[in-house]
């Protein structure tokens, strides 16, 4: 008698955000990618798609830096069994760390049929508490076993070795309070993007929290940290996944928006200005928090551009805003000197 009913397993998979998938590879035909509802939600698919469209959707959102690794995983799958941890760019949630495994269904003879599981382990990767991390992985493994997902000792060793590496990688590149890029990482990635991809039009936004010292003085540094984290959250959820965000200084943020028309930049700044109207209070007092923004828009007709030059122009606009009352924005077009 089975320990779990089919309904038990489906409920556990749904509550634990573990998606199931099937891939059919037939010579001369496009790959067919099937998924249950949980899997489509994890992929960010919110409408009806064909199996062929699902394949293209999934591949297009594998993180560019992990495409080579994913290709080796896909090749290994066709030989029997494989597992991978890679980054997936979710349409609304941003970059996620995904644990995915699959095995060939040998009962299917007409074509290659691979079945597997997909789980978002982003929160597990980010956890700093070692005991909590191990408990979450143990829970995930138990659920996978309940769903009859075949694993062996190699997988456990692999996860153990990779977990700390991914956690270190994330922490080395991000400011942990705001979950945005560190300044040096931002500058390097922006430099590579501008030099190698040669964009047609981009924008840099410099954001500064108005009178932030007063927040710390009136409400305390704990509330000050919350204000910084809240502003970062607004920025992260208001720009595209492809854009780069960093905590540039204590209460300053910098955003590189990729391939954006100037009209859309103005709309985005107007939107952000409306979102940056926040009220905080505790037993020490109350404080209304706003932000000032300086932005510069660049198009390819100006020739090659350096990220530092764009930031300097955006900073000039920011200081104009500070000099004219704050809680607003100023935009200029980049003119190469």
C-alpha atoms as a PDB file:
ATOM      1  CA  UNK A   1       0.000   0.000   0.000  1.00  0.00           C
ATOM      2  CA  UNK A   2       1.416   3.406  -0.969  1.00  0.00           C
ATOM      3  CA  UNK A   3       2.398   5.687   1.905  1.00  0.00           C
ATOM      4  CA  UNK A   4       0.858   8.684   0.147  1.00  0.00           C
ATOM      5  CA  UNK A   5      -2.169   8.915  -2.111  1.00  0.00           C
ATOM      6  CA  UNK A   6      -1.960  10.721  -5.442  1.00  0.00           C
ATOM      7  CA  UNK A   7      -3.971  13.568  -3.940  1.00  0.00           C
ATOM      8  CA  UNK A   8      -1.571  13.781  -0.962  1.00  0.00           C
ATOM      9  CA  UNK A   9       1.407  14.082  -3.283  1.00  0.00           C
ATOM     10  CA  UNK A  10      -0.233  16.725  -5.484  1.00  0.00           C
ATOM     11  CA  UNK A  11      -1.107  18.822  -2.438  1.00  0.00           C
ATOM     12  CA  UNK A  12       2.426  18.557  -1.053  1.00  0.00           C
ATOM     13  CA  UNK A  13       3.932  19.526  -4.399  1.00  0.00           C
ATOM     14  CA  UNK A  14       1.639  22.533  -4.714  1.00  0.00           C
ATOM     15  CA  UNK A  15       2.223  23.807  -1.177  1.00  0.00           C
ATOM     16  CA  UNK A  16       5.973  23.343  -1.529  1.00  0.00           C
ATOM     17  CA  UNK A  17       6.191  24.957  -5.006  1.00  0.00           C
ATOM     18  CA  UNK A  18       7.678  21.892  -6.666  1.00  0.00           C
ATOM     19  CA  UNK A  19       6.706  21.689 -10.334  1.00  0.00           C
ATOM     20  CA  UNK A  20       6.673  18.544 -12.481  1.00  0.00           C
ATOM     21  CA  UNK A  21       7.556  18.526 -16.168  1.00  0.00           C
ATOM     22  CA  UNK A  22       7.949  16.258 -19.169  1.00  0.00           C
ATOM     23  CA  UNK A  23      10.092  16.861 -22.251  1.00  0.00           C
ATOM     24  CA  UNK A  24       9.616  14.979 -25.529  1.00  0.00           C
ATOM     25  CA  UNK A  25      12.453  15.016 -28.062  1.00  0.00           C
ATOM     26  CA  UNK A  26      11.573  13.563 -31.439  1.00  0.00           C
ATOM     27  CA  UNK A  27      13.939  13.651 -34.400  1.00  0.00           C
ATOM     28  CA  UNK A  28      12.958  16.239 -36.986  1.00  0.00           C
ATOM     29  CA  UNK A  29      10.471  17.953 -34.693  1.00  0.00           C
ATOM     30  CA  UNK A  30      10.596  20.820 -32.224  1.00  0.00           C
ATOM     31  CA  UNK A  31      10.957  19.814 -28.565  1.00  0.00           C
ATOM     32  CA  UNK A  32       7.668  19.532 -26.662  1.00  0.00           C
ATOM     33  CA  UNK A  33       7.699  20.735 -23.048  1.00  0.00           C
ATOM     34  CA  UNK A  34       4.738  19.776 -20.834  1.00  0.00           C
ATOM     35  CA  UNK A  35       4.171  21.031 -17.274  1.00  0.00           C
ATOM     36  CA  UNK A  36       1.671  20.897 -14.442  1.00  0.00           C
ATOM     37  CA  UNK A  37       0.050  24.087 -13.065  1.00  0.00           C
ATOM     38  CA  UNK A  38       2.682  24.478 -10.338  1.00  0.00           C
ATOM     39  CA  UNK A  39       5.481  24.251 -12.907  1.00  0.00           C
ATOM     40  CA  UNK A  40       3.885  26.911 -15.149  1.00  0.00           C
ATOM     41  CA  UNK A  41       3.534  29.217 -12.141  1.00  0.00           C
ATOM     42  CA  UNK A  42       7.231  28.710 -11.295  1.00  0.00           C
ATOM     43  CA  UNK A  43       8.139  29.528 -14.897  1.00  0.00           C
ATOM     44  CA  UNK A  44       5.956  32.647 -14.817  1.00  0.00           C
ATOM     45  CA  UNK A  45       3.536  31.433 -17.508  1.00  0.00           C
ATOM     46  CA  UNK A  46       0.076  32.854 -16.802  1.00  0.00           C
ATOM     47  CA  UNK A  47      -1.694  31.991 -20.069  1.00  0.00           C
ATOM     48  CA  UNK A  48      -2.274  29.016 -22.334  1.00  0.00           C
ATOM     49  CA  UNK A  49       0.797  27.995 -24.338  1.00  0.00           C
ATOM     50  CA  UNK A  50       1.636  25.096 -26.609  1.00  0.00           C
ATOM     51  CA  UNK A  51       4.321  22.595 -25.538  1.00  0.00           C
ATOM     52  CA  UNK A  52       6.598  24.069 -28.217  1.00  0.00           C
ATOM     53  CA  UNK A  53       6.004  27.639 -26.972  1.00  0.00           C
ATOM     54  CA  UNK A  54       6.701  26.554 -23.400  1.00  0.00           C
ATOM     55  CA  UNK A  55      10.107  25.244 -24.523  1.00  0.00           C
ATOM     56  CA  UNK A  56      11.059  28.582 -26.068  1.00  0.00           C
ATOM     57  CA  UNK A  57       9.723  30.543 -23.071  1.00  0.00           C
ATOM     58  CA  UNK A  58      11.790  28.494 -20.640  1.00  0.00           C
ATOM     59  CA  UNK A  59      15.061  28.570 -22.585  1.00  0.00           C
ATOM     60  CA  UNK A  60      14.783  32.326 -23.213  1.00  0.00           C
ATOM     61  CA  UNK A  61      14.745  32.961 -19.452  1.00  0.00           C
ATOM     62  CA  UNK A  62      17.709  30.847 -18.388  1.00  0.00           C
ATOM     63  CA  UNK A  63      20.292  33.327 -17.050  1.00  0.00           C
ATOM     64  CA  UNK A  64      22.785  34.143 -19.836  1.00  0.00           C
ATOM     65  CA  UNK A  65      25.733  33.259 -17.600  1.00  0.00           C
ATOM     66  CA  UNK A  66      24.274  29.776 -17.002  1.00  0.00           C
ATOM     67  CA  UNK A  67      23.358  28.892 -20.596  1.00  0.00           C
ATOM     68  CA  UNK A  68      26.528  26.847 -21.165  1.00  0.00           C
ATOM     69  CA  UNK A  69      25.995  24.969 -17.892  1.00  0.00           C
ATOM     70  CA  UNK A  70      22.340  24.392 -18.790  1.00  0.00           C
ATOM     71  CA  UNK A  71      23.339  23.075 -22.212  1.00  0.00           C
ATOM     72  CA  UNK A  72      25.602  20.456 -20.608  1.00  0.00           C
ATOM     73  CA  UNK A  73      22.766  19.505 -18.252  1.00  0.00           C
ATOM     74  CA  UNK A  74      20.355  19.086 -21.184  1.00  0.00           C
ATOM     75  CA  UNK A  75      22.883  16.877 -22.975  1.00  0.00           C
ATOM     76  CA  UNK A  76      23.374  14.752 -19.846  1.00  0.00           C
ATOM     77  CA  UNK A  77      19.614  14.308 -19.523  1.00  0.00           C
ATOM     78  CA  UNK A  78      19.446  12.557 -22.886  1.00  0.00           C
ATOM     79  CA  UNK A  79      21.867   9.919 -21.533  1.00  0.00           C
ATOM     80  CA  UNK A  80      19.834   8.937 -18.494  1.00  0.00           C
ATOM     81  CA  UNK A  81      19.759  11.181 -15.422  1.00  0.00           C
ATOM     82  CA  UNK A  82      21.036  14.640 -14.501  1.00  0.00           C
ATOM     83  CA  UNK A  83      20.578  17.382 -11.921  1.00  0.00           C
ATOM     84  CA  UNK A  84      21.427  21.090 -11.979  1.00  0.00           C
ATOM     85  CA  UNK A  85      21.171  24.261  -9.923  1.00  0.00           C
ATOM     86  CA  UNK A  86      20.944  27.280 -12.200  1.00  0.00           C
ATOM     87  CA  UNK A  87      19.567  30.806 -12.314  1.00  0.00           C
ATOM     88  CA  UNK A  88      16.202  31.496 -13.937  1.00  0.00           C
ATOM     89  CA  UNK A  89      14.894  34.989 -14.762  1.00  0.00           C
ATOM     90  CA  UNK A  90      11.239  34.947 -13.664  1.00  0.00           C
ATOM     91  CA  UNK A  91       9.045  37.521 -15.487  1.00  0.00           C
ATOM     92  CA  UNK A  92       7.909  39.163 -12.211  1.00  0.00           C
ATOM     93  CA  UNK A  93      10.059  37.735  -9.394  1.00  0.00           C
ATOM     94  CA  UNK A  94      13.449  38.417 -10.942  1.00  0.00           C
ATOM     95  CA  UNK A  95      16.460  36.099 -10.712  1.00  0.00           C
ATOM     96  CA  UNK A  96      15.744  32.811  -8.962  1.00  0.00           C
ATOM     97  CA  UNK A  97      17.972  29.894  -8.039  1.00  0.00           C
ATOM     98  CA  UNK A  98      16.380  26.706  -9.388  1.00  0.00           C
ATOM     99  CA  UNK A  99      17.038  23.096  -8.525  1.00  0.00           C
ATOM    100  CA  UNK A 100      16.040  20.873 -11.444  1.00  0.00           C
ATOM    101  CA  UNK A 101      16.467  17.168 -12.155  1.00  0.00           C
ATOM    102  CA  UNK A 102      15.214  14.726 -14.758  1.00  0.00           C
ATOM    103  CA  UNK A 103      15.416  11.101 -15.892  1.00  0.00           C
ATOM    104  CA  UNK A 104      14.640   9.342 -19.158  1.00  0.00           C
ATOM    105  CA  UNK A 105      11.403   7.353 -19.209  1.00  0.00           C
ATOM    106  CA  UNK A 106      12.627   4.100 -20.751  1.00  0.00           C
ATOM    107  CA  UNK A 107       9.075   2.853 -21.210  1.00  0.00           C
ATOM    108  CA  UNK A 108       8.627   5.293 -24.105  1.00  0.00           C
ATOM    109  CA  UNK A 109      10.196   3.847 -27.260  1.00  0.00           C
ATOM    110  CA  UNK A 110       8.931   6.147 -30.032  1.00  0.00           C
ATOM    111  CA  UNK A 111      11.040   9.144 -28.976  1.00  0.00           C
ATOM    112  CA  UNK A 112      13.162  10.406 -26.073  1.00  0.00           C
ATOM    113  CA  UNK A 113      10.906  11.215 -23.116  1.00  0.00           C
ATOM    114  CA  UNK A 114      12.366  12.880 -20.013  1.00  0.00           C
ATOM    115  CA  UNK A 115      10.433  13.532 -16.816  1.00  0.00           C
ATOM    116  CA  UNK A 116      11.577  15.671 -13.939  1.00  0.00           C
ATOM    117  CA  UNK A 117      11.029  18.236 -11.207  1.00  0.00           C
ATOM    118  CA  UNK A 118      11.713  21.986 -10.840  1.00  0.00           C
ATOM    119  CA  UNK A 119      11.935  23.821  -7.514  1.00  0.00           C
ATOM    120  CA  UNK A 120      12.660  27.461  -6.646  1.00  0.00           C
ATOM    121  CA  UNK A 121      15.342  27.338  -3.917  1.00  0.00           C
ATOM    122  CA  UNK A 122      16.165  31.071  -3.894  1.00  0.00           C
ATOM    123  CA  UNK A 123      15.185  31.568  -0.281  1.00  0.00           C
ATOM    124  CA  UNK A 124      17.165  28.494   0.739  1.00  0.00           C
ATOM    125  CA  UNK A 125      20.263  29.863  -0.980  1.00  0.00           C
ATOM    126  CA  UNK A 126      19.889  33.210   0.785  1.00  0.00           C
ATOM    127  CA  UNK A 127      19.431  31.900   4.309  1.00  0.00           C
ATOM    128  CA  UNK A 128      22.450  32.551   6.512  1.00  0.00           C
ATOM    129  CA  UNK A 129      21.411  30.256   9.334  1.00  0.00           C
ATOM    130  CA  UNK A 130      23.083  26.935   8.569  1.00  0.00           C
ATOM    131  CA  UNK A 131      20.617  24.844  10.541  1.00  0.00           C
ATOM    132  CA  UNK A 132      17.625  26.395   8.797  1.00  0.00           C
ATOM    133  CA  UNK A 133      19.274  25.847   5.412  1.00  0.00           C
ATOM    134  CA  UNK A 134      19.862  22.158   6.137  1.00  0.00           C
ATOM    135  CA  UNK A 135      16.306  21.739   7.435  1.00  0.00           C
ATOM    136  CA  UNK A 136      14.805  23.304   4.311  1.00  0.00           C
ATOM    137  CA  UNK A 137      16.900  21.088   2.040  1.00  0.00           C
ATOM    138  CA  UNK A 138      15.896  18.045   4.078  1.00  0.00           C
ATOM    139  CA  UNK A 139      12.211  18.998   3.754  1.00  0.00           C
ATOM    140  CA  UNK A 140      12.597  19.477  -0.004  1.00  0.00           C
ATOM    141  CA  UNK A 141      14.280  16.084  -0.353  1.00  0.00           C
ATOM    142  CA  UNK A 142      11.550  14.386   1.695  1.00  0.00           C
ATOM    143  CA  UNK A 143       8.852  15.897  -0.516  1.00  0.00           C
ATOM    144  CA  UNK A 144      10.746  14.870  -3.643  1.00  0.00           C
ATOM    145  CA  UNK A 145      10.923  11.295  -2.347  1.00  0.00           C
ATOM    146  CA  UNK A 146       7.182  11.363  -1.659  1.00  0.00           C
ATOM    147  CA  UNK A 147       6.669  12.368  -5.272  1.00  0.00           C
ATOM    148  CA  UNK A 148       8.750   9.346  -6.359  1.00  0.00           C
ATOM    149  CA  UNK A 149      11.611  11.518  -7.654  1.00  0.00           C
ATOM    150  CA  UNK A 150      14.648   9.261  -7.933  1.00  0.00           C
ATOM    151  CA  UNK A 151      17.818  10.568  -6.329  1.00  0.00           C
ATOM    152  CA  UNK A 152      21.057   9.038  -5.187  1.00  0.00           C
ATOM    153  CA  UNK A 153      23.909   9.868  -2.842  1.00  0.00           C
ATOM    154  CA  UNK A 154      25.703  11.894  -5.487  1.00  0.00           C
ATOM    155  CA  UNK A 155      22.855  14.449  -5.567  1.00  0.00           C
ATOM    156  CA  UNK A 156      23.033  14.993  -1.823  1.00  0.00           C
ATOM    157  CA  UNK A 157      26.775  15.522  -1.953  1.00  0.00           C
ATOM    158  CA  UNK A 158      26.386  17.829  -4.949  1.00  0.00           C
ATOM    159  CA  UNK A 159      23.817  20.014  -3.168  1.00  0.00           C
ATOM    160  CA  UNK A 160      25.931  20.152  -0.042  1.00  0.00           C
ATOM    161  CA  UNK A 161      28.963  21.332  -2.006  1.00  0.00           C
ATOM    162  CA  UNK A 162      27.093  23.788  -4.208  1.00  0.00           C
ATOM    163  CA  UNK A 163      24.932  25.379  -1.501  1.00  0.00           C
ATOM    164  CA  UNK A 164      27.765  27.255   0.203  1.00  0.00           C
ATOM    165  CA  UNK A 165      29.256  28.248  -3.129  1.00  0.00           C
ATOM    166  CA  UNK A 166      26.025  29.851  -4.371  1.00  0.00           C
ATOM    167  CA  UNK A 167      25.434  31.535  -1.013  1.00  0.00           C
ATOM    168  CA  UNK A 168      28.973  32.974  -1.053  1.00  0.00           C
ATOM    169  CA  UNK A 169      28.575  34.097  -4.665  1.00  0.00           C
ATOM    170  CA  UNK A 170      25.314  35.915  -3.927  1.00  0.00           C
ATOM    171  CA  UNK A 171      26.649  37.584  -0.780  1.00  0.00           C
ATOM    172  CA  UNK A 172      29.862  38.626  -2.529  1.00  0.00           C
ATOM    173  CA  UNK A 173      27.901  40.465  -5.231  1.00  0.00           C
ATOM    174  CA  UNK A 174      25.004  41.966  -3.272  1.00  0.00           C
ATOM    175  CA  UNK A 175      24.310  44.378  -0.452  1.00  0.00           C
ATOM    176  CA  UNK A 176      22.358  42.054   1.844  1.00  0.00           C
ATOM    177  CA  UNK A 177      20.185  44.754   3.445  1.00  0.00           C
ATOM    178  CA  UNK A 178      18.774  45.971   0.115  1.00  0.00           C
ATOM    179  CA  UNK A 179      19.265  42.868  -2.075  1.00  0.00           C
ATOM    180  CA  UNK A 180      20.798  45.138  -4.724  1.00  0.00           C
ATOM    181  CA  UNK A 181      24.208  44.878  -6.377  1.00  0.00           C
ATOM    182  CA  UNK A 182      27.306  46.152  -4.639  1.00  0.00           C
ATOM    183  CA  UNK A 183      28.695  49.340  -6.183  1.00  0.00           C
ATOM    184  CA  UNK A 184      31.814  47.681  -7.635  1.00  0.00           C
ATOM    185  CA  UNK A 185      29.822  44.817  -9.148  1.00  0.00           C
ATOM    186  CA  UNK A 186      27.296  47.289 -10.618  1.00  0.00           C
ATOM    187  CA  UNK A 187      30.032  49.402 -12.215  1.00  0.00           C
ATOM    188  CA  UNK A 188      31.734  46.338 -13.723  1.00  0.00           C
ATOM    189  CA  UNK A 189      28.514  44.871 -15.130  1.00  0.00           C
ATOM    190  CA  UNK A 190      27.411  48.256 -16.483  1.00  0.00           C
ATOM    191  CA  UNK A 191      30.826  48.788 -18.104  1.00  0.00           C
ATOM    192  CA  UNK A 192      30.671  45.402 -19.835  1.00  0.00           C
ATOM    193  CA  UNK A 193      27.094  46.031 -21.004  1.00  0.00           C
ATOM    194  CA  UNK A 194      27.895  49.447 -22.513  1.00  0.00           C
ATOM    195  CA  UNK A 195      31.109  48.266 -24.187  1.00  0.00           C
ATOM    196  CA  UNK A 196      30.053  44.855 -25.478  1.00  0.00           C
ATOM    197  CA  UNK A 197      26.315  45.124 -26.198  1.00  0.00           C
ATOM    198  CA  UNK A 198      26.509  48.708 -27.503  1.00  0.00           C
ATOM    199  CA  UNK A 199      22.930  49.708 -26.556  1.00  0.00           C
ATOM    200  CA  UNK A 200      20.984  52.242 -28.602  1.00  0.00           C
ATOM    201  CA  UNK A 201      19.451  54.113 -25.671  1.00  0.00           C
ATOM    202  CA  UNK A 202      19.873  53.783 -21.932  1.00  0.00           C
ATOM    203  CA  UNK A 203      19.270  55.831 -18.824  1.00  0.00           C
ATOM    204  CA  UNK A 204      21.001  56.191 -15.474  1.00  0.00           C
ATOM    205  CA  UNK A 205      18.982  57.289 -12.445  1.00  0.00           C
ATOM    206  CA  UNK A 206      20.643  58.517  -9.256  1.00  0.00           C
ATOM    207  CA  UNK A 207      18.335  58.352  -6.217  1.00  0.00           C
ATOM    208  CA  UNK A 208      18.942  59.971  -2.834  1.00  0.00           C
ATOM    209  CA  UNK A 209      16.683  59.755   0.237  1.00  0.00           C
ATOM    210  CA  UNK A 210      15.784  63.296   1.312  1.00  0.00           C
ATOM    211  CA  UNK A 211      16.997  64.411   4.742  1.00  0.00           C
ATOM    212  CA  UNK A 212      17.890  60.855   5.706  1.00  0.00           C
ATOM    213  CA  UNK A 213      19.917  62.048   8.672  1.00  0.00           C
ATOM    214  CA  UNK A 214      16.679  63.359  10.201  1.00  0.00           C
ATOM    215  CA  UNK A 215      15.152  59.879   9.917  1.00  0.00           C
ATOM    216  CA  UNK A 216      18.009  58.425  11.967  1.00  0.00           C
ATOM    217  CA  UNK A 217      17.982  61.330  14.421  1.00  0.00           C
ATOM    218  CA  UNK A 218      14.198  61.299  14.975  1.00  0.00           C
ATOM    219  CA  UNK A 219      13.285  57.625  14.601  1.00  0.00           C
ATOM    220  CA  UNK A 220      16.584  55.838  15.265  1.00  0.00           C
ATOM    221  CA  UNK A 221      18.938  53.793  13.109  1.00  0.00           C
ATOM    222  CA  UNK A 222      16.792  50.651  13.178  1.00  0.00           C
ATOM    223  CA  UNK A 223      13.968  52.551  11.491  1.00  0.00           C
ATOM    224  CA  UNK A 224      16.551  54.170   9.217  1.00  0.00           C
ATOM    225  CA  UNK A 225      17.627  50.726   8.010  1.00  0.00           C
ATOM    226  CA  UNK A 226      13.976  49.860   7.337  1.00  0.00           C
ATOM    227  CA  UNK A 227      13.545  53.020   5.251  1.00  0.00           C
ATOM    228  CA  UNK A 228      16.591  52.091   3.127  1.00  0.00           C
ATOM    229  CA  UNK A 229      15.299  48.525   2.661  1.00  0.00           C
ATOM    230  CA  UNK A 230      11.802  49.799   1.724  1.00  0.00           C
ATOM    231  CA  UNK A 231      13.156  52.263  -0.844  1.00  0.00           C
ATOM    232  CA  UNK A 232      15.289  49.465  -2.346  1.00  0.00           C
ATOM    233  CA  UNK A 233      12.229  47.207  -2.561  1.00  0.00           C
ATOM    234  CA  UNK A 234      10.263  49.910  -4.411  1.00  0.00           C
ATOM    235  CA  UNK A 235      13.102  50.343  -6.911  1.00  0.00           C
ATOM    236  CA  UNK A 236      13.558  46.580  -7.460  1.00  0.00           C
ATOM    237  CA  UNK A 237       9.863  46.020  -8.117  1.00  0.00           C
ATOM    238  CA  UNK A 238       9.468  49.113 -10.328  1.00  0.00           C
ATOM    239  CA  UNK A 239      12.152  48.490 -12.960  1.00  0.00           C
ATOM    240  CA  UNK A 240      12.658  45.651 -15.423  1.00  0.00           C
ATOM    241  CA  UNK A 241      14.478  42.450 -14.483  1.00  0.00           C
ATOM    242  CA  UNK A 242      17.173  43.218 -17.039  1.00  0.00           C
ATOM    243  CA  UNK A 243      18.026  46.575 -15.417  1.00  0.00           C
ATOM    244  CA  UNK A 244      20.940  46.943 -12.990  1.00  0.00           C
ATOM    245  CA  UNK A 245      20.437  48.362  -9.474  1.00  0.00           C
ATOM    246  CA  UNK A 246      23.002  49.078  -6.793  1.00  0.00           C
ATOM    247  CA  UNK A 247      23.251  50.677  -3.393  1.00  0.00           C
ATOM    248  CA  UNK A 248      25.719  53.380  -4.368  1.00  0.00           C
ATOM    249  CA  UNK A 249      26.214  54.791  -0.883  1.00  0.00           C
ATOM    250  CA  UNK A 250      24.566  54.842   2.528  1.00  0.00           C
ATOM    251  CA  UNK A 251      21.190  56.221   1.375  1.00  0.00           C
ATOM    252  CA  UNK A 252      21.906  56.503  -2.359  1.00  0.00           C
ATOM    253  CA  UNK A 253      20.927  54.152  -5.178  1.00  0.00           C
ATOM    254  CA  UNK A 254      21.909  53.999  -8.830  1.00  0.00           C
ATOM    255  CA  UNK A 255      19.902  52.331 -11.619  1.00  0.00           C
ATOM    256  CA  UNK A 256      20.971  51.544 -15.186  1.00  0.00           C
ATOM    257  CA  UNK A 257      17.867  51.119 -17.337  1.00  0.00           C
ATOM    258  CA  UNK A 258      18.551  49.229 -20.548  1.00  0.00           C
ATOM    259  CA  UNK A 259      17.067  50.165 -23.938  1.00  0.00           C
ATOM    260  CA  UNK A 260      14.516  52.684 -22.699  1.00  0.00           C
ATOM    261  CA  UNK A 261      13.010  55.589 -24.705  1.00  0.00           C
ATOM    262  CA  UNK A 262      13.146  58.980 -23.030  1.00  0.00           C
ATOM    263  CA  UNK A 263       9.327  59.230 -22.828  1.00  0.00           C
ATOM    264  CA  UNK A 264       9.194  55.947 -20.935  1.00  0.00           C
ATOM    265  CA  UNK A 265      11.999  57.159 -18.643  1.00  0.00           C
ATOM    266  CA  UNK A 266       9.949  60.236 -17.753  1.00  0.00           C
ATOM    267  CA  UNK A 267       6.916  58.052 -17.014  1.00  0.00           C
ATOM    268  CA  UNK A 268       9.041  55.800 -14.802  1.00  0.00           C
ATOM    269  CA  UNK A 269      10.448  58.757 -12.856  1.00  0.00           C
ATOM    270  CA  UNK A 270       6.939  60.143 -12.346  1.00  0.00           C
ATOM    271  CA  UNK A 271       5.811  56.744 -11.106  1.00  0.00           C
ATOM    272  CA  UNK A 272       8.753  56.399  -8.716  1.00  0.00           C
ATOM    273  CA  UNK A 273       8.233  59.901  -7.370  1.00  0.00           C
ATOM    274  CA  UNK A 274       4.688  58.914  -6.448  1.00  0.00           C
ATOM    275  CA  UNK A 275       5.860  55.712  -4.757  1.00  0.00           C
ATOM    276  CA  UNK A 276       8.517  57.572  -2.774  1.00  0.00           C
ATOM    277  CA  UNK A 277       5.947  59.174  -0.458  1.00  0.00           C
ATOM    278  CA  UNK A 278       6.294  57.170   2.731  1.00  0.00           C
ATOM    279  CA  UNK A 279       5.303  57.783   6.338  1.00  0.00           C
ATOM    280  CA  UNK A 280       7.056  56.248   9.328  1.00  0.00           C
ATOM    281  CA  UNK A 281       6.597  56.558  13.053  1.00  0.00           C
ATOM    282  CA  UNK A 282       7.406  55.049  16.409  1.00  0.00           C
ATOM    283  CA  UNK A 283       7.414  56.106  20.048  1.00  0.00           C
ATOM    284  CA  UNK A 284      10.147  58.646  19.227  1.00  0.00           C
ATOM    285  CA  UNK A 285       8.184  60.553  16.591  1.00  0.00           C
ATOM    286  CA  UNK A 286       6.963  60.596  12.986  1.00  0.00           C
ATOM    287  CA  UNK A 287       8.701  61.263   9.692  1.00  0.00           C
ATOM    288  CA  UNK A 288       7.519  61.707   6.073  1.00  0.00           C
ATOM    289  CA  UNK A 289      10.126  60.262   3.691  1.00  0.00           C
ATOM    290  CA  UNK A 290      10.664  61.313   0.072  1.00  0.00           C
ATOM    291  CA  UNK A 291      13.439  60.960  -2.506  1.00  0.00           C
ATOM    292  CA  UNK A 292      15.219  63.189  -4.993  1.00  0.00           C
ATOM    293  CA  UNK A 293      16.189  61.785  -8.399  1.00  0.00           C
ATOM    294  CA  UNK A 294      18.601  62.899 -11.084  1.00  0.00           C
ATOM    295  CA  UNK A 295      18.621  61.101 -14.430  1.00  0.00           C
ATOM    296  CA  UNK A 296      20.456  61.200 -17.732  1.00  0.00           C
ATOM    297  CA  UNK A 297      19.305  59.688 -21.042  1.00  0.00           C
ATOM    298  CA  UNK A 298      21.813  58.488 -23.618  1.00  0.00           C
ATOM    299  CA  UNK A 299      21.419  57.419 -27.249  1.00  0.00           C
ATOM    300  CA  UNK A 300      23.938  55.772 -29.523  1.00  0.00           C
ATOM    301  CA  UNK A 301      24.322  58.870 -31.715  1.00  0.00           C
ATOM    302  CA  UNK A 302      26.613  60.250 -28.988  1.00  0.00           C
ATOM    303  CA  UNK A 303      29.099  57.468 -29.617  1.00  0.00           C
ATOM    304  CA  UNK A 304      30.665  55.154 -26.994  1.00  0.00           C
ATOM    305  CA  UNK A 305      29.960  56.124 -23.404  1.00  0.00           C
ATOM    306  CA  UNK A 306      31.376  55.205 -20.007  1.00  0.00           C
ATOM    307  CA  UNK A 307      29.121  54.389 -17.051  1.00  0.00           C
ATOM    308  CA  UNK A 308      31.085  56.786 -14.814  1.00  0.00           C
ATOM    309  CA  UNK A 309      30.313  59.673 -17.197  1.00  0.00           C
ATOM    310  CA  UNK A 310      26.603  58.822 -17.150  1.00  0.00           C
ATOM    311  CA  UNK A 311      26.594  58.682 -13.355  1.00  0.00           C
ATOM    312  CA  UNK A 312      28.347  62.057 -13.170  1.00  0.00           C
ATOM    313  CA  UNK A 313      25.664  63.604 -15.402  1.00  0.00           C
ATOM    314  CA  UNK A 314      22.877  62.045 -13.351  1.00  0.00           C
ATOM    315  CA  UNK A 315      24.545  63.328 -10.180  1.00  0.00           C
ATOM    316  CA  UNK A 316      24.557  66.889 -11.576  1.00  0.00           C
ATOM    317  CA  UNK A 317      20.792  66.601 -12.160  1.00  0.00           C
ATOM    318  CA  UNK A 318      20.336  65.256  -8.636  1.00  0.00           C
ATOM    319  CA  UNK A 319      22.037  68.277  -7.124  1.00  0.00           C
ATOM    320  CA  UNK A 320      19.780  70.565  -9.169  1.00  0.00           C
ATOM    321  CA  UNK A 321      16.806  68.812  -7.579  1.00  0.00           C
ATOM    322  CA  UNK A 322      18.295  69.197  -4.111  1.00  0.00           C
ATOM    323  CA  UNK A 323      18.808  72.877  -4.748  1.00  0.00           C
ATOM    324  CA  UNK A 324      15.215  73.417  -5.837  1.00  0.00           C
ATOM    325  CA  UNK A 325      13.295  71.815  -2.994  1.00  0.00           C
ATOM    326  CA  UNK A 326      13.912  68.027  -3.316  1.00  0.00           C
ATOM    327  CA  UNK A 327      11.087  65.434  -3.590  1.00  0.00           C
ATOM    328  CA  UNK A 328      11.153  65.633  -7.404  1.00  0.00           C
ATOM    329  CA  UNK A 329      13.293  64.672 -10.385  1.00  0.00           C
ATOM    330  CA  UNK A 330      15.404  66.246 -13.098  1.00  0.00           C
ATOM    331  CA  UNK A 331      16.416  64.723 -16.456  1.00  0.00           C
ATOM    332  CA  UNK A 332      19.008  65.709 -19.028  1.00  0.00           C
ATOM    333  CA  UNK A 333      20.218  64.280 -22.320  1.00  0.00           C
ATOM    334  CA  UNK A 334      23.803  63.038 -22.326  1.00  0.00           C
ATOM    335  CA  UNK A 335      26.067  65.222 -24.442  1.00  0.00           C
ATOM    336  CA  UNK A 336      29.528  63.844 -25.037  1.00  0.00           C
ATOM    337  CA  UNK A 337      32.256  66.308 -24.146  1.00  0.00           C
END
